[in-house]
Amino acid sequence: MIIDEKTFEALYELKETQEIFLSGDIIKFIEPQDELQKVYLFECITLYKNSIRNRLSTSQLVLKQNLQLVKKETILLETLEQLRIESEAVKEEKNRTKEILVLTERDKVSAEQQVEILKTSKKLDILNRGLLFSMIAIFTIIVSVTLIQTAFLYKNLETDQIIGNVFNIYNILLTGLLTIVSSVLGVKIGLNNNKEEKTV
C-alpha cells in the first residue's frame, strides 16, 4: 500500500502540530516511498507497540487489582460468615442464660416455699405438743379431783361443799380445754390455708 504525497503531507503535519500518529495494524501494509516516510512509519510503529505494551500493562494491573479485590471480597465474606456464626452462638448462649435465670428464680421461689412450709410445720408441731400437754394436764387434774371426791364419799365426809367446788373446777377446766382446743384448731386451720396458698 502506497500513500500519495498529499496524504503523507497531511499526516506529517498532524504529527508535527498535534503529535497525532497513524495507529493500528494498517501501518504494516504501508510501503515507504522515501526516507522521511520510512522514519515516520518507524515512529508510528514504535508508538503503536508502546501503546500496546502500555495497554497490556494496564490490563494486567487492572486484572491483578481485580484478583486482589476478589480475594479481599472472599476474605470479607468469610469474616462476615464467621461473625454471623459467632452472633448466633452468642444469641444461643444468651437464651440459655435466660433459661438458667428463669430456672434459678423458680428454684429460689421453691426453696422459699419449702422454708415456709418447714416453718409452718414446726409451728403446727409446737401447737400440737402444746395441745397434747394441755389436754394431759387437764385430764390429770380431772382424774385427781375425781379421786379426791371419791375418797371423801368413801369416808362419808361432808361432800356438799366439795361437790360444788368439784363441779366449778370441772366447768372451769372444760371451758379452758374447749378454749384451748378451739384456739389451736383455728391457728392450725389458718396455717394450713396459708401453706396451701404458698404451694399453689
N, C-alpha and C. Protein backbone atom coordinates (compact mmCIF):
# COMPACT_ATOMS: atom_id res chain seq x y z
N MET A 1 0.86 -1.18 0.00
CA MET A 1 0.00 0.00 0.00
C MET A 1 0.89 1.24 0.00
N ILE A 2 0.54 2.17 -0.87
CA ILE A 2 1.36 3.37 -1.02
C ILE A 2 0.52 4.59 -0.65
N ILE A 3 1.11 5.51 0.13
CA ILE A 3 0.44 6.76 0.49
C ILE A 3 0.91 7.83 -0.48
N ASP A 4 -0.06 8.55 -1.08
CA ASP A 4 0.35 9.62 -2.01
C ASP A 4 0.95 10.77 -1.22
N GLU A 5 1.55 11.67 -1.95
CA GLU A 5 2.34 12.73 -1.32
C GLU A 5 1.46 13.69 -0.51
N LYS A 6 0.28 14.06 -1.00
CA LYS A 6 -0.60 14.99 -0.28
C LYS A 6 -1.08 14.38 1.03
N THR A 7 -1.46 13.10 0.97
CA THR A 7 -1.93 12.42 2.19
C THR A 7 -0.81 12.35 3.21
N PHE A 8 0.39 12.05 2.74
CA PHE A 8 1.52 11.95 3.67
C PHE A 8 1.81 13.30 4.30
N GLU A 9 1.74 14.37 3.45
CA GLU A 9 1.99 15.71 3.99
C GLU A 9 0.98 16.05 5.09
N ALA A 10 -0.29 15.67 4.87
CA ALA A 10 -1.33 15.93 5.87
C ALA A 10 -1.05 15.13 7.15
N LEU A 11 -0.66 13.86 6.98
CA LEU A 11 -0.33 13.02 8.15
C LEU A 11 0.87 13.57 8.90
N TYR A 12 1.87 14.02 8.14
CA TYR A 12 3.09 14.53 8.77
C TYR A 12 2.80 15.83 9.51
N GLU A 13 1.93 16.65 8.93
CA GLU A 13 1.57 17.91 9.59
C GLU A 13 0.83 17.63 10.91
N LEU A 14 -0.05 16.60 10.94
CA LEU A 14 -0.72 16.22 12.19
C LEU A 14 0.29 15.78 13.25
N LYS A 15 1.29 15.10 12.80
CA LYS A 15 2.34 14.63 13.71
C LYS A 15 3.11 15.80 14.28
N GLU A 16 3.45 16.77 13.47
CA GLU A 16 4.25 17.91 13.90
C GLU A 16 3.45 18.89 14.76
N THR A 17 2.23 19.13 14.38
CA THR A 17 1.44 20.15 15.08
C THR A 17 0.71 19.59 16.32
N GLN A 18 0.15 18.40 16.20
CA GLN A 18 -0.68 17.87 17.30
C GLN A 18 -0.17 16.54 17.86
N GLU A 19 0.94 16.07 17.37
CA GLU A 19 1.55 14.80 17.80
C GLU A 19 0.56 13.65 17.68
N ILE A 20 -0.13 13.61 16.53
CA ILE A 20 -1.04 12.51 16.23
C ILE A 20 -0.39 11.65 15.16
N PHE A 21 -0.33 10.33 15.44
CA PHE A 21 0.34 9.39 14.53
C PHE A 21 -0.66 8.37 14.02
N LEU A 22 -0.28 7.75 12.90
CA LEU A 22 -1.07 6.61 12.43
C LEU A 22 -0.97 5.50 13.47
N SER A 23 -2.05 4.69 13.56
CA SER A 23 -2.04 3.62 14.55
C SER A 23 -2.76 2.42 13.98
N GLY A 24 -2.48 1.26 14.51
CA GLY A 24 -3.14 0.04 14.10
C GLY A 24 -2.28 -0.81 13.19
N ASP A 25 -2.82 -1.96 12.84
CA ASP A 25 -2.08 -2.92 12.01
C ASP A 25 -1.91 -2.46 10.57
N ILE A 26 -2.66 -1.41 10.20
CA ILE A 26 -2.55 -0.93 8.82
C ILE A 26 -1.15 -0.40 8.50
N ILE A 27 -0.44 0.03 9.55
CA ILE A 27 0.92 0.58 9.33
C ILE A 27 1.82 -0.47 8.68
N LYS A 28 1.58 -1.74 8.98
CA LYS A 28 2.44 -2.81 8.44
C LYS A 28 2.33 -2.93 6.91
N PHE A 29 1.19 -2.47 6.42
CA PHE A 29 0.94 -2.64 4.99
C PHE A 29 1.34 -1.42 4.15
N ILE A 30 1.81 -0.36 4.80
CA ILE A 30 2.22 0.85 4.05
C ILE A 30 3.69 0.71 3.66
N GLU A 31 3.94 0.97 2.38
CA GLU A 31 5.31 0.90 1.88
C GLU A 31 5.87 2.33 1.80
N PRO A 32 6.95 2.61 2.53
CA PRO A 32 7.52 3.97 2.48
C PRO A 32 8.12 4.26 1.10
N GLN A 33 7.96 5.52 0.66
CA GLN A 33 8.45 5.93 -0.66
C GLN A 33 9.78 6.66 -0.56
N ASP A 34 10.09 7.18 0.57
CA ASP A 34 11.37 7.87 0.73
C ASP A 34 11.79 7.72 2.20
N GLU A 35 12.91 8.34 2.53
CA GLU A 35 13.48 8.22 3.88
C GLU A 35 12.59 8.86 4.93
N LEU A 36 11.95 9.97 4.57
CA LEU A 36 11.10 10.67 5.52
C LEU A 36 9.89 9.80 5.90
N GLN A 37 9.29 9.19 4.89
CA GLN A 37 8.17 8.29 5.17
C GLN A 37 8.61 7.09 6.00
N LYS A 38 9.81 6.61 5.70
CA LYS A 38 10.35 5.46 6.43
C LYS A 38 10.50 5.80 7.92
N VAL A 39 11.07 7.00 8.18
CA VAL A 39 11.26 7.44 9.57
C VAL A 39 9.90 7.64 10.24
N TYR A 40 8.97 8.24 9.48
CA TYR A 40 7.63 8.50 10.03
C TYR A 40 6.93 7.18 10.40
N LEU A 41 6.96 6.22 9.48
CA LEU A 41 6.30 4.93 9.73
C LEU A 41 6.98 4.18 10.89
N PHE A 42 8.31 4.32 10.99
CA PHE A 42 9.03 3.69 12.10
C PHE A 42 8.55 4.27 13.44
N GLU A 43 8.40 5.61 13.47
CA GLU A 43 7.90 6.26 14.68
C GLU A 43 6.48 5.78 15.01
N CYS A 44 5.65 5.67 13.95
CA CYS A 44 4.26 5.22 14.17
C CYS A 44 4.24 3.81 14.74
N ILE A 45 5.08 2.91 14.14
CA ILE A 45 5.13 1.52 14.62
C ILE A 45 5.61 1.47 16.06
N THR A 46 6.68 2.26 16.35
CA THR A 46 7.22 2.29 17.71
C THR A 46 6.17 2.77 18.71
N LEU A 47 5.49 3.85 18.41
CA LEU A 47 4.46 4.38 19.30
C LEU A 47 3.29 3.39 19.46
N TYR A 48 2.95 2.72 18.36
CA TYR A 48 1.85 1.74 18.40
C TYR A 48 2.21 0.57 19.31
N LYS A 49 3.47 0.08 19.15
CA LYS A 49 3.91 -1.03 20.00
C LYS A 49 3.96 -0.61 21.48
N ASN A 50 4.47 0.63 21.72
CA ASN A 50 4.49 1.14 23.10
C ASN A 50 3.07 1.26 23.67
N SER A 51 2.16 1.71 22.78
CA SER A 51 0.76 1.84 23.21
C SER A 51 0.18 0.48 23.57
N ILE A 52 0.50 -0.52 22.73
CA ILE A 52 0.01 -1.89 23.02
C ILE A 52 0.59 -2.38 24.34
N ARG A 53 1.92 -2.13 24.52
CA ARG A 53 2.56 -2.56 25.78
C ARG A 53 1.90 -1.88 26.98
N ASN A 54 1.66 -0.56 26.85
CA ASN A 54 1.04 0.19 27.95
C ASN A 54 -0.37 -0.33 28.25
N ARG A 55 -1.13 -0.59 27.17
CA ARG A 55 -2.48 -1.11 27.38
C ARG A 55 -2.44 -2.49 28.02
N LEU A 56 -1.48 -3.32 27.56
CA LEU A 56 -1.33 -4.65 28.13
C LEU A 56 -0.93 -4.58 29.61
N SER A 57 0.02 -3.68 29.88
CA SER A 57 0.45 -3.50 31.27
C SER A 57 -0.70 -3.00 32.14
N THR A 58 -1.47 -2.03 31.59
CA THR A 58 -2.62 -1.52 32.34
C THR A 58 -3.66 -2.63 32.57
N SER A 59 -3.88 -3.44 31.52
CA SER A 59 -4.84 -4.54 31.65
C SER A 59 -4.39 -5.54 32.70
N GLN A 60 -3.08 -5.85 32.68
CA GLN A 60 -2.55 -6.78 33.68
C GLN A 60 -2.68 -6.21 35.10
N LEU A 61 -2.42 -4.90 35.20
CA LEU A 61 -2.54 -4.25 36.51
C LEU A 61 -3.99 -4.28 37.00
N VAL A 62 -4.91 -3.96 36.06
CA VAL A 62 -6.33 -3.99 36.43
C VAL A 62 -6.75 -5.41 36.80
N LEU A 63 -6.27 -6.39 36.03
CA LEU A 63 -6.59 -7.79 36.32
C LEU A 63 -6.05 -8.19 37.70
N LYS A 64 -4.83 -7.77 37.98
CA LYS A 64 -4.22 -8.07 39.28
C LYS A 64 -5.02 -7.42 40.41
N GLN A 65 -5.39 -6.14 40.17
CA GLN A 65 -6.19 -5.45 41.19
C GLN A 65 -7.55 -6.13 41.37
N ASN A 66 -8.13 -6.57 40.25
CA ASN A 66 -9.42 -7.28 40.35
C ASN A 66 -9.29 -8.57 41.14
N LEU A 67 -8.19 -9.30 40.87
CA LEU A 67 -7.95 -10.55 41.62
C LEU A 67 -7.79 -10.27 43.11
N GLN A 68 -7.06 -9.18 43.42
CA GLN A 68 -6.88 -8.80 44.82
C GLN A 68 -8.23 -8.42 45.46
N LEU A 69 -9.04 -7.69 44.68
CA LEU A 69 -10.35 -7.31 45.19
C LEU A 69 -11.23 -8.55 45.43
N VAL A 70 -11.16 -9.50 44.49
CA VAL A 70 -11.94 -10.74 44.65
C VAL A 70 -11.46 -11.50 45.89
N LYS A 71 -10.12 -11.53 46.08
CA LYS A 71 -9.57 -12.21 47.26
C LYS A 71 -10.03 -11.52 48.55
N LYS A 72 -9.97 -10.17 48.52
CA LYS A 72 -10.42 -9.42 49.70
C LYS A 72 -11.90 -9.64 49.96
N GLU A 73 -12.67 -9.67 48.84
CA GLU A 73 -14.10 -9.89 48.99
C GLU A 73 -14.38 -11.27 49.58
N THR A 74 -13.62 -12.26 49.13
CA THR A 74 -13.78 -13.62 49.67
C THR A 74 -13.46 -13.64 51.16
N ILE A 75 -12.35 -12.98 51.53
CA ILE A 75 -11.97 -12.91 52.94
C ILE A 75 -13.04 -12.19 53.75
N LEU A 76 -13.56 -11.10 53.17
CA LEU A 76 -14.61 -10.34 53.85
C LEU A 76 -15.87 -11.19 54.04
N LEU A 77 -16.24 -11.93 53.00
CA LEU A 77 -17.42 -12.79 53.10
C LEU A 77 -17.21 -13.88 54.15
N GLU A 78 -16.00 -14.46 54.17
CA GLU A 78 -15.70 -15.47 55.19
C GLU A 78 -15.76 -14.87 56.59
N THR A 79 -15.22 -13.64 56.71
CA THR A 79 -15.26 -12.96 58.02
C THR A 79 -16.69 -12.68 58.45
N LEU A 80 -17.52 -12.21 57.49
CA LEU A 80 -18.93 -11.96 57.79
C LEU A 80 -19.65 -13.23 58.20
N GLU A 81 -19.35 -14.32 57.51
CA GLU A 81 -19.97 -15.61 57.86
C GLU A 81 -19.55 -16.05 59.26
N GLN A 82 -18.25 -15.85 59.56
CA GLN A 82 -17.76 -16.20 60.90
C GLN A 82 -18.43 -15.34 61.96
N LEU A 83 -18.59 -14.05 61.66
CA LEU A 83 -19.26 -13.15 62.60
C LEU A 83 -20.73 -13.55 62.78
N ARG A 84 -21.37 -13.97 61.69
CA ARG A 84 -22.76 -14.41 61.79
C ARG A 84 -22.89 -15.64 62.68
N ILE A 85 -21.96 -16.60 62.47
CA ILE A 85 -21.96 -17.81 63.30
C ILE A 85 -21.73 -17.47 64.76
N GLU A 86 -20.74 -16.57 65.01
CA GLU A 86 -20.47 -16.17 66.39
C GLU A 86 -21.65 -15.43 67.00
N SER A 87 -22.33 -14.61 66.18
CA SER A 87 -23.50 -13.88 66.66
C SER A 87 -24.62 -14.85 67.05
N GLU A 88 -24.83 -15.88 66.22
CA GLU A 88 -25.85 -16.88 66.54
C GLU A 88 -25.47 -17.63 67.81
N ALA A 89 -24.15 -17.94 67.95
CA ALA A 89 -23.71 -18.63 69.17
C ALA A 89 -23.94 -17.76 70.40
N VAL A 90 -23.68 -16.44 70.26
CA VAL A 90 -23.92 -15.52 71.38
C VAL A 90 -25.41 -15.47 71.71
N LYS A 91 -26.26 -15.44 70.68
CA LYS A 91 -27.71 -15.43 70.92
C LYS A 91 -28.15 -16.70 71.63
N GLU A 92 -27.63 -17.86 71.18
CA GLU A 92 -27.97 -19.12 71.83
C GLU A 92 -27.52 -19.12 73.28
N GLU A 93 -26.30 -18.63 73.53
CA GLU A 93 -25.78 -18.56 74.90
C GLU A 93 -26.64 -17.62 75.75
N LYS A 94 -27.07 -16.51 75.14
CA LYS A 94 -27.94 -15.57 75.85
C LYS A 94 -29.26 -16.23 76.22
N ASN A 95 -29.84 -16.98 75.25
CA ASN A 95 -31.10 -17.68 75.52
C ASN A 95 -30.92 -18.73 76.62
N ARG A 96 -29.78 -19.46 76.57
CA ARG A 96 -29.51 -20.46 77.62
C ARG A 96 -29.38 -19.78 78.97
N THR A 97 -28.70 -18.61 78.99
CA THR A 97 -28.54 -17.87 80.24
C THR A 97 -29.89 -17.44 80.80
N LYS A 98 -30.79 -16.97 79.88
CA LYS A 98 -32.13 -16.58 80.31
C LYS A 98 -32.87 -17.77 80.91
N GLU A 99 -32.77 -18.94 80.24
CA GLU A 99 -33.43 -20.13 80.76
C GLU A 99 -32.88 -20.52 82.13
N ILE A 100 -31.55 -20.41 82.28
CA ILE A 100 -30.93 -20.74 83.57
C ILE A 100 -31.42 -19.77 84.64
N LEU A 101 -31.52 -18.48 84.28
CA LEU A 101 -32.00 -17.48 85.25
C LEU A 101 -33.45 -17.77 85.65
N VAL A 102 -34.28 -18.16 84.67
CA VAL A 102 -35.67 -18.49 84.97
C VAL A 102 -35.74 -19.69 85.90
N LEU A 103 -34.93 -20.74 85.59
CA LEU A 103 -34.91 -21.93 86.44
C LEU A 103 -34.39 -21.61 87.83
N THR A 104 -33.37 -20.74 87.89
CA THR A 104 -32.82 -20.34 89.18
C THR A 104 -33.86 -19.60 90.01
N GLU A 105 -34.61 -18.72 89.33
CA GLU A 105 -35.67 -17.98 90.03
C GLU A 105 -36.74 -18.94 90.54
N ARG A 106 -37.09 -19.91 89.70
CA ARG A 106 -38.08 -20.90 90.14
C ARG A 106 -37.56 -21.70 91.34
N ASP A 107 -36.29 -22.12 91.26
CA ASP A 107 -35.70 -22.86 92.38
C ASP A 107 -35.68 -22.02 93.64
N LYS A 108 -35.39 -20.72 93.47
CA LYS A 108 -35.37 -19.82 94.63
C LYS A 108 -36.75 -19.73 95.27
N VAL A 109 -37.79 -19.54 94.40
CA VAL A 109 -39.16 -19.46 94.91
C VAL A 109 -39.55 -20.77 95.58
N SER A 110 -39.18 -21.90 94.94
CA SER A 110 -39.50 -23.21 95.51
C SER A 110 -38.80 -23.40 96.86
N ALA A 111 -37.53 -22.97 96.94
CA ALA A 111 -36.80 -23.10 98.20
C ALA A 111 -37.44 -22.24 99.29
N GLU A 112 -37.86 -21.01 98.91
CA GLU A 112 -38.53 -20.15 99.88
C GLU A 112 -39.83 -20.78 100.36
N GLN A 113 -40.57 -21.39 99.42
CA GLN A 113 -41.81 -22.06 99.80
C GLN A 113 -41.54 -23.24 100.73
N GLN A 114 -40.45 -23.98 100.43
CA GLN A 114 -40.10 -25.12 101.30
C GLN A 114 -39.75 -24.64 102.70
N VAL A 115 -39.03 -23.51 102.76
CA VAL A 115 -38.67 -22.95 104.07
C VAL A 115 -39.92 -22.55 104.84
N GLU A 116 -40.86 -21.90 104.12
CA GLU A 116 -42.11 -21.50 104.77
C GLU A 116 -42.90 -22.72 105.23
N ILE A 117 -42.90 -23.76 104.40
CA ILE A 117 -43.60 -25.00 104.78
C ILE A 117 -42.98 -25.60 106.04
N LEU A 118 -41.63 -25.61 106.08
CA LEU A 118 -40.94 -26.15 107.26
C LEU A 118 -41.27 -25.32 108.51
N LYS A 119 -41.27 -23.99 108.34
CA LYS A 119 -41.62 -23.13 109.48
C LYS A 119 -43.05 -23.41 109.95
N THR A 120 -43.97 -23.50 108.96
CA THR A 120 -45.37 -23.79 109.31
C THR A 120 -45.49 -25.15 110.00
N SER A 121 -44.75 -26.15 109.48
CA SER A 121 -44.78 -27.48 110.09
C SER A 121 -44.27 -27.44 111.52
N LYS A 122 -43.20 -26.66 111.76
CA LYS A 122 -42.67 -26.55 113.12
C LYS A 122 -43.69 -25.88 114.04
N LYS A 123 -44.35 -24.82 113.51
CA LYS A 123 -45.37 -24.15 114.32
C LYS A 123 -46.51 -25.11 114.66
N LEU A 124 -46.94 -25.88 113.64
CA LEU A 124 -48.01 -26.84 113.88
C LEU A 124 -47.58 -27.91 114.88
N ASP A 125 -46.33 -28.33 114.78
CA ASP A 125 -45.81 -29.33 115.71
C ASP A 125 -45.81 -28.78 117.14
N ILE A 126 -45.38 -27.53 117.29
CA ILE A 126 -45.37 -26.91 118.62
C ILE A 126 -46.79 -26.79 119.17
N LEU A 127 -47.73 -26.38 118.29
CA LEU A 127 -49.13 -26.26 118.72
C LEU A 127 -49.70 -27.62 119.12
N ASN A 128 -49.37 -28.65 118.32
CA ASN A 128 -49.86 -30.00 118.66
C ASN A 128 -49.32 -30.46 120.01
N ARG A 129 -48.04 -30.20 120.24
CA ARG A 129 -47.46 -30.60 121.54
C ARG A 129 -48.09 -29.82 122.69
N GLY A 130 -48.31 -28.49 122.44
CA GLY A 130 -48.95 -27.68 123.48
C GLY A 130 -50.36 -28.17 123.78
N LEU A 131 -51.11 -28.51 122.71
CA LEU A 131 -52.46 -29.02 122.89
C LEU A 131 -52.45 -30.34 123.66
N LEU A 132 -51.53 -31.21 123.28
CA LEU A 132 -51.42 -32.51 123.97
C LEU A 132 -51.06 -32.33 125.44
N PHE A 133 -50.09 -31.43 125.69
CA PHE A 133 -49.69 -31.17 127.07
C PHE A 133 -50.86 -30.59 127.88
N SER A 134 -51.61 -29.65 127.26
CA SER A 134 -52.76 -29.05 127.96
C SER A 134 -53.81 -30.10 128.26
N MET A 135 -54.10 -30.96 127.29
CA MET A 135 -55.12 -31.99 127.49
C MET A 135 -54.68 -32.98 128.58
N ILE A 136 -53.38 -33.34 128.59
CA ILE A 136 -52.89 -34.25 129.62
C ILE A 136 -52.99 -33.61 130.99
N ALA A 137 -52.62 -32.31 131.07
CA ALA A 137 -52.68 -31.61 132.36
C ALA A 137 -54.12 -31.53 132.85
N ILE A 138 -55.03 -31.16 131.98
CA ILE A 138 -56.45 -31.03 132.37
C ILE A 138 -57.00 -32.40 132.75
N PHE A 139 -56.64 -33.43 131.94
CA PHE A 139 -57.11 -34.77 132.26
C PHE A 139 -56.58 -35.22 133.61
N THR A 140 -55.31 -34.90 133.89
CA THR A 140 -54.72 -35.27 135.19
C THR A 140 -55.45 -34.57 136.33
N ILE A 141 -55.75 -33.29 136.15
CA ILE A 141 -56.47 -32.54 137.20
C ILE A 141 -57.85 -33.13 137.42
N ILE A 142 -58.57 -33.44 136.30
CA ILE A 142 -59.91 -34.03 136.43
C ILE A 142 -59.85 -35.35 137.16
N VAL A 143 -58.89 -36.20 136.81
CA VAL A 143 -58.75 -37.51 137.48
C VAL A 143 -58.43 -37.31 138.96
N SER A 144 -57.52 -36.36 139.23
CA SER A 144 -57.15 -36.11 140.63
C SER A 144 -58.35 -35.64 141.44
N VAL A 145 -59.13 -34.68 140.89
CA VAL A 145 -60.31 -34.17 141.59
C VAL A 145 -61.34 -35.28 141.79
N THR A 146 -61.52 -36.11 140.75
CA THR A 146 -62.45 -37.23 140.85
C THR A 146 -62.02 -38.20 141.95
N LEU A 147 -60.72 -38.50 142.03
CA LEU A 147 -60.21 -39.40 143.07
C LEU A 147 -60.42 -38.82 144.46
N ILE A 148 -60.18 -37.51 144.59
CA ILE A 148 -60.38 -36.85 145.89
C ILE A 148 -61.85 -36.92 146.29
N GLN A 149 -62.73 -36.63 145.31
CA GLN A 149 -64.17 -36.68 145.61
C GLN A 149 -64.58 -38.09 146.01
N THR A 150 -64.07 -39.09 145.32
CA THR A 150 -64.41 -40.48 145.64
C THR A 150 -63.93 -40.84 147.05
N ALA A 151 -62.74 -40.35 147.40
CA ALA A 151 -62.21 -40.63 148.74
C ALA A 151 -63.11 -40.03 149.82
N PHE A 152 -63.56 -38.79 149.58
CA PHE A 152 -64.45 -38.14 150.55
C PHE A 152 -65.77 -38.90 150.66
N LEU A 153 -66.31 -39.35 149.50
CA LEU A 153 -67.56 -40.09 149.54
C LEU A 153 -67.39 -41.43 150.26
N TYR A 154 -66.23 -42.03 150.05
CA TYR A 154 -65.96 -43.33 150.65
C TYR A 154 -65.87 -43.23 152.17
N LYS A 155 -65.34 -42.15 152.68
CA LYS A 155 -65.18 -41.97 154.14
C LYS A 155 -66.41 -41.31 154.77
N ASN A 156 -67.49 -41.08 153.98
CA ASN A 156 -68.73 -40.49 154.44
C ASN A 156 -68.52 -39.12 155.07
N LEU A 157 -67.68 -38.33 154.46
CA LEU A 157 -67.45 -36.98 154.93
C LEU A 157 -68.44 -36.04 154.25
N GLU A 158 -68.53 -34.79 154.78
CA GLU A 158 -69.43 -33.81 154.18
C GLU A 158 -68.95 -33.52 152.76
N THR A 159 -69.83 -33.75 151.83
CA THR A 159 -69.42 -33.61 150.42
C THR A 159 -70.16 -32.53 149.68
N ASP A 160 -71.15 -31.85 150.31
CA ASP A 160 -71.91 -30.84 149.59
C ASP A 160 -71.02 -29.71 149.07
N GLN A 161 -70.20 -29.21 150.00
CA GLN A 161 -69.28 -28.12 149.62
C GLN A 161 -68.28 -28.61 148.58
N ILE A 162 -67.81 -29.85 148.81
CA ILE A 162 -66.78 -30.41 147.90
C ILE A 162 -67.37 -30.63 146.51
N ILE A 163 -68.62 -31.16 146.49
CA ILE A 163 -69.24 -31.43 145.17
C ILE A 163 -69.42 -30.13 144.41
N GLY A 164 -69.86 -29.06 145.13
CA GLY A 164 -70.00 -27.77 144.45
C GLY A 164 -68.68 -27.27 143.89
N ASN A 165 -67.62 -27.41 144.69
CA ASN A 165 -66.28 -26.99 144.22
C ASN A 165 -65.81 -27.83 143.04
N VAL A 166 -66.10 -29.14 143.11
CA VAL A 166 -65.68 -30.04 142.03
C VAL A 166 -66.35 -29.66 140.72
N PHE A 167 -67.68 -29.40 140.80
CA PHE A 167 -68.37 -29.01 139.58
C PHE A 167 -67.85 -27.68 139.02
N ASN A 168 -67.55 -26.76 139.93
CA ASN A 168 -66.96 -25.48 139.49
C ASN A 168 -65.62 -25.72 138.78
N ILE A 169 -64.79 -26.60 139.38
CA ILE A 169 -63.48 -26.91 138.76
C ILE A 169 -63.68 -27.58 137.40
N TYR A 170 -64.65 -28.53 137.33
CA TYR A 170 -64.93 -29.18 136.06
C TYR A 170 -65.33 -28.16 134.99
N ASN A 171 -66.25 -27.26 135.39
CA ASN A 171 -66.71 -26.25 134.44
C ASN A 171 -65.55 -25.38 133.94
N ILE A 172 -64.70 -24.96 134.90
CA ILE A 172 -63.55 -24.11 134.52
C ILE A 172 -62.60 -24.87 133.59
N LEU A 173 -62.31 -26.14 133.99
CA LEU A 173 -61.37 -26.92 133.18
C LEU A 173 -61.92 -27.23 131.79
N LEU A 174 -63.21 -27.59 131.72
CA LEU A 174 -63.80 -27.88 130.41
C LEU A 174 -63.85 -26.64 129.54
N THR A 175 -64.20 -25.50 130.17
CA THR A 175 -64.22 -24.24 129.41
C THR A 175 -62.82 -23.91 128.90
N GLY A 176 -61.83 -24.05 129.75
CA GLY A 176 -60.43 -23.81 129.34
C GLY A 176 -59.98 -24.75 128.25
N LEU A 177 -60.35 -26.04 128.41
CA LEU A 177 -59.97 -27.02 127.41
C LEU A 177 -60.59 -26.69 126.06
N LEU A 178 -61.89 -26.38 126.07
CA LEU A 178 -62.56 -26.02 124.80
C LEU A 178 -61.95 -24.77 124.19
N THR A 179 -61.61 -23.79 125.05
CA THR A 179 -60.99 -22.56 124.53
C THR A 179 -59.64 -22.86 123.89
N ILE A 180 -58.84 -23.65 124.58
CA ILE A 180 -57.51 -24.00 124.04
C ILE A 180 -57.63 -24.78 122.75
N VAL A 181 -58.55 -25.79 122.75
CA VAL A 181 -58.71 -26.62 121.56
C VAL A 181 -59.18 -25.79 120.37
N SER A 182 -60.18 -24.91 120.60
CA SER A 182 -60.70 -24.08 119.50
C SER A 182 -59.64 -23.11 118.99
N SER A 183 -58.86 -22.52 119.93
CA SER A 183 -57.80 -21.60 119.53
C SER A 183 -56.74 -22.31 118.69
N VAL A 184 -56.32 -23.48 119.19
CA VAL A 184 -55.28 -24.24 118.47
C VAL A 184 -55.78 -24.68 117.11
N LEU A 185 -57.02 -25.18 117.07
CA LEU A 185 -57.57 -25.61 115.77
C LEU A 185 -57.70 -24.43 114.81
N GLY A 186 -58.11 -23.26 115.32
CA GLY A 186 -58.20 -22.08 114.46
C GLY A 186 -56.86 -21.69 113.88
N VAL A 187 -55.84 -21.68 114.74
CA VAL A 187 -54.48 -21.36 114.27
C VAL A 187 -54.00 -22.40 113.27
N LYS A 188 -54.28 -23.67 113.56
CA LYS A 188 -53.85 -24.76 112.69
C LYS A 188 -54.49 -24.65 111.31
N ILE A 189 -55.81 -24.38 111.30
CA ILE A 189 -56.52 -24.23 110.01
C ILE A 189 -55.96 -23.04 109.23
N GLY A 190 -55.71 -21.94 109.95
CA GLY A 190 -55.14 -20.76 109.29
C GLY A 190 -53.77 -21.04 108.68
N LEU A 191 -52.91 -21.75 109.42
CA LEU A 191 -51.58 -22.09 108.91
C LEU A 191 -51.67 -23.03 107.73
N ASN A 192 -52.60 -24.00 107.80
CA ASN A 192 -52.76 -24.93 106.67
C ASN A 192 -53.24 -24.21 105.42
N ASN A 193 -54.18 -23.26 105.58
CA ASN A 193 -54.65 -22.48 104.43
C ASN A 193 -53.52 -21.66 103.83
N ASN A 194 -52.71 -21.04 104.68
CA ASN A 194 -51.56 -20.25 104.23
C ASN A 194 -50.56 -21.14 103.50
N LYS A 195 -50.37 -22.33 104.02
CA LYS A 195 -49.44 -23.29 103.42
C LYS A 195 -49.91 -23.71 102.02
N GLU A 196 -51.23 -23.98 101.88
CA GLU A 196 -51.77 -24.38 100.59
C GLU A 196 -51.68 -23.25 99.58
N GLU A 197 -51.91 -22.01 100.01
CA GLU A 197 -51.80 -20.86 99.10
C GLU A 197 -50.39 -20.71 98.58
N LYS A 198 -49.40 -20.93 99.43
CA LYS A 198 -47.99 -20.75 99.00
C LYS A 198 -47.57 -21.87 98.07
N THR A 199 -48.04 -23.08 98.31
CA THR A 199 -47.66 -24.19 97.42
C THR A 199 -48.31 -24.06 96.06
N VAL A 200 -49.48 -23.43 96.00
CA VAL A 200 -50.15 -23.21 94.69
C VAL A 200 -49.39 -22.15 93.93
